[in-house]
Amino acid sequence: MSWRYRCESCNEVSGWMGRVDAERTRDAHQAARHPGMKPAGEHLESNAERMDPRLWLYVLAGCAALGILRWIINL
């Protein structure tokens, strides 16, 4: 899973990286652009948040379709 840092106060977004690196990027950004305060609207986001929640339904339906097709062919 990859992570990135987003600061909505100054519209800065990092690239995708590991969690520890994203936290370091956040700390460096706060020290450079917002010293002494925590900007509103900043957060770490993972690429797991972007995954379509219906994906498991599609995978399950595909597996069921393949199972039924195999059952029909073996009759």
PDB file of N, CA and C in Angstrom:
ATOM      1  N   MET A   1       0.841  -1.157   0.000  1.00  0.00           N
ATOM      2  CA  MET A   1       0.000   0.000   0.000  1.00  0.00           C
ATOM      3  C   MET A   1       0.894   1.230   0.000  1.00  0.00           C
ATOM      4  N   SER A   2       0.533   2.208  -0.802  1.00  0.00           N
ATOM      5  CA  SER A   2       1.293   3.445  -0.895  1.00  0.00           C
ATOM      6  C   SER A   2       0.535   4.582  -0.234  1.00  0.00           C
ATOM      7  N   TRP A   3       1.297   5.578   0.177  1.00  0.00           N
ATOM      8  CA  TRP A   3       0.740   6.731   0.868  1.00  0.00           C
ATOM      9  C   TRP A   3       1.249   8.002   0.215  1.00  0.00           C
ATOM     10  N   ARG A   4       0.491   9.084   0.369  1.00  0.00           N
ATOM     11  CA  ARG A   4       0.970  10.397  -0.047  1.00  0.00           C
ATOM     12  C   ARG A   4       0.440  11.445   0.918  1.00  0.00           C
ATOM     13  N   TYR A   5       1.152  12.552   0.963  1.00  0.00           N
ATOM     14  CA  TYR A   5       0.792  13.666   1.840  1.00  0.00           C
ATOM     15  C   TYR A   5       0.087  14.730   1.017  1.00  0.00           C
ATOM     16  N   ARG A   6      -1.004  15.263   1.559  1.00  0.00           N
ATOM     17  CA  ARG A   6      -1.751  16.333   0.890  1.00  0.00           C
ATOM     18  C   ARG A   6      -1.975  17.472   1.869  1.00  0.00           C
ATOM     19  N   CYS A   7      -1.578  18.683   1.453  1.00  0.00           N
ATOM     20  CA  CYS A   7      -1.827  19.896   2.234  1.00  0.00           C
ATOM     21  C   CYS A   7      -2.776  20.762   1.414  1.00  0.00           C
ATOM     22  N   GLU A   8      -4.011  20.865   1.874  1.00  0.00           N
ATOM     23  CA  GLU A   8      -5.005  21.629   1.131  1.00  0.00           C
ATOM     24  C   GLU A   8      -4.856  23.134   1.345  1.00  0.00           C
ATOM     25  N   SER A   9      -4.125  23.534   2.367  1.00  0.00           N
ATOM     26  CA  SER A   9      -3.913  24.966   2.612  1.00  0.00           C
ATOM     27  C   SER A   9      -3.094  25.610   1.500  1.00  0.00           C
ATOM     28  N   CYS A  10      -2.097  24.884   1.006  1.00  0.00           N
ATOM     29  CA  CYS A  10      -1.250  25.439  -0.057  1.00  0.00           C
ATOM     30  C   CYS A  10      -1.248  24.564  -1.309  1.00  0.00           C
ATOM     31  N   ASN A  11      -2.204  23.648  -1.405  1.00  0.00           N
ATOM     32  CA  ASN A  11      -2.390  22.797  -2.588  1.00  0.00           C
ATOM     33  C   ASN A  11      -1.140  21.999  -2.967  1.00  0.00           C
ATOM     34  N   GLU A  12      -0.459  21.486  -1.985  1.00  0.00           N
ATOM     35  CA  GLU A  12       0.718  20.657  -2.253  1.00  0.00           C
ATOM     36  C   GLU A  12       0.368  19.193  -2.057  1.00  0.00           C
ATOM     37  N   VAL A  13       0.804  18.361  -3.011  1.00  0.00           N
ATOM     38  CA  VAL A  13       0.573  16.926  -2.947  1.00  0.00           C
ATOM     39  C   VAL A  13       1.886  16.227  -3.266  1.00  0.00           C
ATOM     40  N   SER A  14       2.257  15.278  -2.426  1.00  0.00           N
ATOM     41  CA  SER A  14       3.482  14.528  -2.683  1.00  0.00           C
ATOM     42  C   SER A  14       3.174  13.356  -3.621  1.00  0.00           C
ATOM     43  N   GLY A  15       4.199  12.676  -4.033  1.00  0.00           N
ATOM     44  CA  GLY A  15       4.015  11.463  -4.824  1.00  0.00           C
ATOM     45  C   GLY A  15       3.710  10.284  -3.911  1.00  0.00           C
ATOM     46  N   TRP A  16       3.410   9.138  -4.502  1.00  0.00           N
ATOM     47  CA  TRP A  16       3.113   7.935  -3.724  1.00  0.00           C
ATOM     48  C   TRP A  16       4.407   7.358  -3.173  1.00  0.00           C
ATOM     49  N   MET A  17       4.384   6.972  -1.898  1.00  0.00           N
ATOM     50  CA  MET A  17       5.572   6.449  -1.211  1.00  0.00           C
ATOM     51  C   MET A  17       5.132   5.622  -0.018  1.00  0.00           C
ATOM     52  N   GLY A  18       6.077   5.110   0.730  1.00  0.00           N
ATOM     53  CA  GLY A  18       5.774   4.371   1.944  1.00  0.00           C
ATOM     54  C   GLY A  18       5.241   5.292   3.035  1.00  0.00           C
ATOM     55  N   ARG A  19       4.605   4.711   4.030  1.00  0.00           N
ATOM     56  CA  ARG A  19       3.974   5.502   5.097  1.00  0.00           C
ATOM     57  C   ARG A  19       4.994   6.355   5.849  1.00  0.00           C
ATOM     58  N   VAL A  20       6.135   5.771   6.191  1.00  0.00           N
ATOM     59  CA  VAL A  20       7.156   6.509   6.953  1.00  0.00           C
ATOM     60  C   VAL A  20       7.673   7.682   6.125  1.00  0.00           C
ATOM     61  N   ASP A  21       7.902   7.476   4.842  1.00  0.00           N
ATOM     62  CA  ASP A  21       8.374   8.561   3.985  1.00  0.00           C
ATOM     63  C   ASP A  21       7.322   9.661   3.844  1.00  0.00           C
ATOM     64  N   ALA A  22       6.047   9.284   3.776  1.00  0.00           N
ATOM     65  CA  ALA A  22       4.973  10.280   3.688  1.00  0.00           C
ATOM     66  C   ALA A  22       4.907  11.108   4.973  1.00  0.00           C
ATOM     67  N   GLU A  23       5.113  10.462   6.116  1.00  0.00           N
ATOM     68  CA  GLU A  23       5.130  11.194   7.384  1.00  0.00           C
ATOM     69  C   GLU A  23       6.316  12.150   7.445  1.00  0.00           C
ATOM     70  N   ARG A  24       7.467  11.714   6.944  1.00  0.00           N
ATOM     71  CA  ARG A  24       8.648  12.592   6.903  1.00  0.00           C
ATOM     72  C   ARG A  24       8.415  13.774   5.975  1.00  0.00           C
ATOM     73  N   THR A  25       7.745  13.516   4.845  1.00  0.00           N
ATOM     74  CA  THR A  25       7.419  14.594   3.912  1.00  0.00           C
ATOM     75  C   THR A  25       6.500  15.605   4.569  1.00  0.00           C
ATOM     76  N   ARG A  26       5.509  15.112   5.329  1.00  0.00           N
ATOM     77  CA  ARG A  26       4.596  15.999   6.061  1.00  0.00           C
ATOM     78  C   ARG A  26       5.370  16.863   7.052  1.00  0.00           C
ATOM     79  N   ASP A  27       6.254  16.237   7.828  1.00  0.00           N
ATOM     80  CA  ASP A  27       7.035  16.972   8.825  1.00  0.00           C
ATOM     81  C   ASP A  27       7.919  18.032   8.179  1.00  0.00           C
ATOM     82  N   ALA A  28       8.562  17.668   7.061  1.00  0.00           N
ATOM     83  CA  ALA A  28       9.427  18.620   6.360  1.00  0.00           C
ATOM     84  C   ALA A  28       8.602  19.765   5.771  1.00  0.00           C
ATOM     85  N   HIS A  29       7.439  19.454   5.253  1.00  0.00           N
ATOM     86  CA  HIS A  29       6.570  20.484   4.682  1.00  0.00           C
ATOM     87  C   HIS A  29       6.087  21.448   5.771  1.00  0.00           C
ATOM     88  N   GLN A  30       5.674  20.886   6.910  1.00  0.00           N
ATOM     89  CA  GLN A  30       5.216  21.741   8.014  1.00  0.00           C
ATOM     90  C   GLN A  30       6.335  22.666   8.484  1.00  0.00           C
ATOM     91  N   ALA A  31       7.540  22.135   8.597  1.00  0.00           N
ATOM     92  CA  ALA A  31       8.660  22.952   9.071  1.00  0.00           C
ATOM     93  C   ALA A  31       9.018  24.048   8.074  1.00  0.00           C
ATOM     94  N   ALA A  32       8.909  23.747   6.776  1.00  0.00           N
ATOM     95  CA  ALA A  32       9.310  24.719   5.765  1.00  0.00           C
ATOM     96  C   ALA A  32       8.216  25.734   5.448  1.00  0.00           C
ATOM     97  N   ARG A  33       6.977  25.288   5.315  1.00  0.00           N
ATOM     98  CA  ARG A  33       5.899  26.171   4.853  1.00  0.00           C
ATOM     99  C   ARG A  33       4.977  26.676   5.955  1.00  0.00           C
ATOM    100  N   HIS A  34       4.842  25.921   7.045  1.00  0.00           N
ATOM    101  CA  HIS A  34       3.922  26.289   8.119  1.00  0.00           C
ATOM    102  C   HIS A  34       4.601  26.129   9.485  1.00  0.00           C
ATOM    103  N   PRO A  35       5.693  26.844   9.737  1.00  0.00           N
ATOM    104  CA  PRO A  35       6.410  26.642  11.003  1.00  0.00           C
ATOM    105  C   PRO A  35       5.562  27.044  12.214  1.00  0.00           C
ATOM    106  N   GLY A  36       5.561  26.176  13.210  1.00  0.00           N
ATOM    107  CA  GLY A  36       4.879  26.462  14.453  1.00  0.00           C
ATOM    108  C   GLY A  36       3.379  26.237  14.449  1.00  0.00           C
ATOM    109  N   MET A  37       2.829  25.720  13.358  1.00  0.00           N
ATOM    110  CA  MET A  37       1.393  25.469  13.320  1.00  0.00           C
ATOM    111  C   MET A  37       1.079  24.243  12.473  1.00  0.00           C
ATOM    112  N   LYS A  38      -0.084  23.702  12.678  1.00  0.00           N
ATOM    113  CA  LYS A  38      -0.542  22.589  11.854  1.00  0.00           C
ATOM    114  C   LYS A  38      -1.600  23.138  10.899  1.00  0.00           C
ATOM    115  N   PRO A  39      -1.338  23.093   9.596  1.00  0.00           N
ATOM    116  CA  PRO A  39      -2.293  23.665   8.654  1.00  0.00           C
ATOM    117  C   PRO A  39      -3.595  22.874   8.599  1.00  0.00           C
ATOM    118  N   ALA A  40      -4.697  23.580   8.390  1.00  0.00           N
ATOM    119  CA  ALA A  40      -5.997  22.925   8.260  1.00  0.00           C
ATOM    120  C   ALA A  40      -6.054  22.205   6.908  1.00  0.00           C
ATOM    121  N   GLY A  41      -6.664  21.073   6.891  1.00  0.00           N
ATOM    122  CA  GLY A  41      -6.861  20.353   5.637  1.00  0.00           C
ATOM    123  C   GLY A  41      -5.689  19.509   5.196  1.00  0.00           C
ATOM    124  N   GLU A  42      -4.783  19.200   6.085  1.00  0.00           N
ATOM    125  CA  GLU A  42      -3.678  18.324   5.687  1.00  0.00           C
ATOM    126  C   GLU A  42      -3.976  16.902   6.131  1.00  0.00           C
ATOM    127  N   HIS A  43      -3.558  15.936   5.334  1.00  0.00           N
ATOM    128  CA  HIS A  43      -3.768  14.542   5.714  1.00  0.00           C
ATOM    129  C   HIS A  43      -2.896  13.617   4.873  1.00  0.00           C
ATOM    130  N   LEU A  44      -2.722  12.424   5.395  1.00  0.00           N
ATOM    131  CA  LEU A  44      -2.075  11.356   4.658  1.00  0.00           C
ATOM    132  C   LEU A  44      -3.184  10.511   4.053  1.00  0.00           C
ATOM    133  N   GLU A  45      -3.038  10.150   2.794  1.00  0.00           N
ATOM    134  CA  GLU A  45      -4.044   9.298   2.169  1.00  0.00           C
ATOM    135  C   GLU A  45      -3.352   8.101   1.533  1.00  0.00           C
ATOM    136  N   SER A  46      -4.033   6.987   1.551  1.00  0.00           N
ATOM    137  CA  SER A  46      -3.471   5.775   0.974  1.00  0.00           C
ATOM    138  C   SER A  46      -4.173   5.455  -0.335  1.00  0.00           C
ATOM    139  N   ASN A  47      -3.508   4.676  -1.170  1.00  0.00           N
ATOM    140  CA  ASN A  47      -4.131   4.288  -2.428  1.00  0.00           C
ATOM    141  C   ASN A  47      -5.231   3.253  -2.199  1.00  0.00           C
ATOM    142  N   ALA A  48      -5.323   2.688  -1.009  1.00  0.00           N
ATOM    143  CA  ALA A  48      -6.419   1.771  -0.693  1.00  0.00           C
ATOM    144  C   ALA A  48      -7.736   2.529  -0.622  1.00  0.00           C
ATOM    145  N   GLU A  49      -7.684   3.823  -0.279  1.00  0.00           N
ATOM    146  CA  GLU A  49      -8.896   4.630  -0.229  1.00  0.00           C
ATOM    147  C   GLU A  49      -9.489   4.830  -1.616  1.00  0.00           C
ATOM    148  N   ARG A  50      -8.671   4.737  -2.642  1.00  0.00           N
ATOM    149  CA  ARG A  50      -9.130   4.961  -3.995  1.00  0.00           C
ATOM    150  C   ARG A  50      -9.732   3.715  -4.633  1.00  0.00           C
ATOM    151  N   MET A  51      -9.565   2.562  -4.012  1.00  0.00           N
ATOM    152  CA  MET A  51     -10.029   1.320  -4.609  1.00  0.00           C
ATOM    153  C   MET A  51     -11.555   1.279  -4.655  1.00  0.00           C
ATOM    154  N   ASP A  52     -12.092   0.815  -5.754  1.00  0.00           N
ATOM    155  CA  ASP A  52     -13.539   0.713  -5.933  1.00  0.00           C
ATOM    156  C   ASP A  52     -14.089  -0.350  -4.989  1.00  0.00           C
ATOM    157  N   PRO A  53     -15.019  -0.008  -4.102  1.00  0.00           N
ATOM    158  CA  PRO A  53     -15.538  -1.000  -3.154  1.00  0.00           C
ATOM    159  C   PRO A  53     -16.328  -2.112  -3.837  1.00  0.00           C
ATOM    160  N   ARG A  54     -16.758  -1.897  -5.067  1.00  0.00           N
ATOM    161  CA  ARG A  54     -17.486  -2.937  -5.799  1.00  0.00           C
ATOM    162  C   ARG A  54     -16.560  -3.946  -6.448  1.00  0.00           C
ATOM    163  N   LEU A  55     -15.258  -3.737  -6.339  1.00  0.00           N
ATOM    164  CA  LEU A  55     -14.309  -4.636  -6.976  1.00  0.00           C
ATOM    165  C   LEU A  55     -14.499  -6.076  -6.514  1.00  0.00           C
ATOM    166  N   TRP A  56     -14.703  -6.285  -5.218  1.00  0.00           N
ATOM    167  CA  TRP A  56     -14.894  -7.651  -4.711  1.00  0.00           C
ATOM    168  C   TRP A  56     -16.145  -8.291  -5.301  1.00  0.00           C
ATOM    169  N   LEU A  57     -17.175  -7.508  -5.532  1.00  0.00           N
ATOM    170  CA  LEU A  57     -18.391  -8.029  -6.156  1.00  0.00           C
ATOM    171  C   LEU A  57     -18.106  -8.484  -7.581  1.00  0.00           C
ATOM    172  N   TYR A  58     -17.341  -7.709  -8.325  1.00  0.00           N
ATOM    173  CA  TYR A  58     -16.983  -8.076  -9.698  1.00  0.00           C
ATOM    174  C   TYR A  58     -16.136  -9.344  -9.727  1.00  0.00           C
ATOM    175  N   VAL A  59     -15.191  -9.449  -8.827  1.00  0.00           N
ATOM    176  CA  VAL A  59     -14.337 -10.639  -8.768  1.00  0.00           C
ATOM    177  C   VAL A  59     -15.169 -11.871  -8.416  1.00  0.00           C
ATOM    178  N   LEU A  60     -16.036 -11.737  -7.440  1.00  0.00           N
ATOM    179  CA  LEU A  60     -16.888 -12.848  -7.044  1.00  0.00           C
ATOM    180  C   LEU A  60     -17.816 -13.271  -8.186  1.00  0.00           C
ATOM    181  N   ALA A  61     -18.411 -12.312  -8.883  1.00  0.00           N
ATOM    182  CA  ALA A  61     -19.290 -12.632 -10.013  1.00  0.00           C
ATOM    183  C   ALA A  61     -18.513 -13.311 -11.133  1.00  0.00           C
ATOM    184  N   GLY A  62     -17.297 -12.866 -11.388  1.00  0.00           N
ATOM    185  CA  GLY A  62     -16.464 -13.496 -12.424  1.00  0.00           C
ATOM    186  C   GLY A  62     -16.110 -14.924 -12.065  1.00  0.00           C
ATOM    187  N   CYS A  63     -15.760 -15.164 -10.809  1.00  0.00           N
ATOM    188  CA  CYS A  63     -15.439 -16.524 -10.362  1.00  0.00           C
ATOM    189  C   CYS A  63     -16.659 -17.427 -10.454  1.00  0.00           C
ATOM    190  N   ALA A  64     -17.808 -16.904 -10.080  1.00  0.00           N
ATOM    191  CA  ALA A  64     -19.042 -17.703 -10.177  1.00  0.00           C
ATOM    192  C   ALA A  64     -19.358 -18.028 -11.628  1.00  0.00           C
ATOM    193  N   ALA A  65     -19.176 -17.061 -12.524  1.00  0.00           N
ATOM    194  CA  ALA A  65     -19.430 -17.297 -13.944  1.00  0.00           C
ATOM    195  C   ALA A  65     -18.488 -18.367 -14.496  1.00  0.00           C
ATOM    196  N   LEU A  66     -17.224 -18.308 -14.107  1.00  0.00           N
ATOM    197  CA  LEU A  66     -16.268 -19.330 -14.567  1.00  0.00           C
ATOM    198  C   LEU A  66     -16.622 -20.700 -14.006  1.00  0.00           C
ATOM    199  N   GLY A  67     -17.053 -20.758 -12.754  1.00  0.00           N
ATOM    200  CA  GLY A  67     -17.459 -22.022 -12.149  1.00  0.00           C
ATOM    201  C   GLY A  67     -18.667 -22.615 -12.848  1.00  0.00           C
ATOM    202  N   ILE A  68     -19.636 -21.792 -13.174  1.00  0.00           N
ATOM    203  CA  ILE A  68     -20.825 -22.278 -13.880  1.00  0.00           C
ATOM    204  C   ILE A  68     -20.460 -22.738 -15.281  1.00  0.00           C
ATOM    205  N   LEU A  69     -19.613 -21.990 -15.966  1.00  0.00           N
ATOM    206  CA  LEU A  69     -19.172 -22.384 -17.302  1.00  0.00           C
ATOM    207  C   LEU A  69     -18.437 -23.718 -17.266  1.00  0.00           C
ATOM    208  N   ARG A  70     -17.582 -23.911 -16.289  1.00  0.00           N
ATOM    209  CA  ARG A  70     -16.865 -25.177 -16.159  1.00  0.00           C
ATOM    210  C   ARG A  70     -17.840 -26.311 -15.875  1.00  0.00           C
ATOM    211  N   TRP A  71     -18.827 -26.064 -15.025  1.00  0.00           N
ATOM    212  CA  TRP A  71     -19.831 -27.073 -14.716  1.00  0.00           C
ATOM    213  C   TRP A  71     -20.624 -27.453 -15.962  1.00  0.00           C
ATOM    214  N   ILE A  72     -20.991 -26.469 -16.799  1.00  0.00           N
ATOM    215  CA  ILE A  72     -21.736 -26.742 -18.022  1.00  0.00           C
ATOM    216  C   ILE A  72     -20.900 -27.547 -18.998  1.00  0.00           C
ATOM    217  N   ILE A  73     -19.633 -27.216 -19.145  1.00  0.00           N
ATOM    218  CA  ILE A  73     -18.753 -27.923 -20.086  1.00  0.00           C
ATOM    219  C   ILE A  73     -18.563 -29.371 -19.639  1.00  0.00           C
ATOM    220  N   ASN A  74     -18.503 -29.620 -18.348  1.00  0.00           N
ATOM    221  CA  ASN A  74     -18.266 -30.984 -17.836  1.00  0.00           C
ATOM    222  C   ASN A  74     -19.519 -31.848 -17.870  1.00  0.00           C
ATOM    223  N   LEU A  75     -20.680 -31.319 -18.201  1.00  0.00           N
ATOM    224  CA  LEU A  75     -21.901 -32.131 -18.268  1.00  0.00           C
ATOM    225  C   LEU A  75     -21.837 -33.053 -19.382  1.00  0.00           C
TER     226      LEU A  75
END
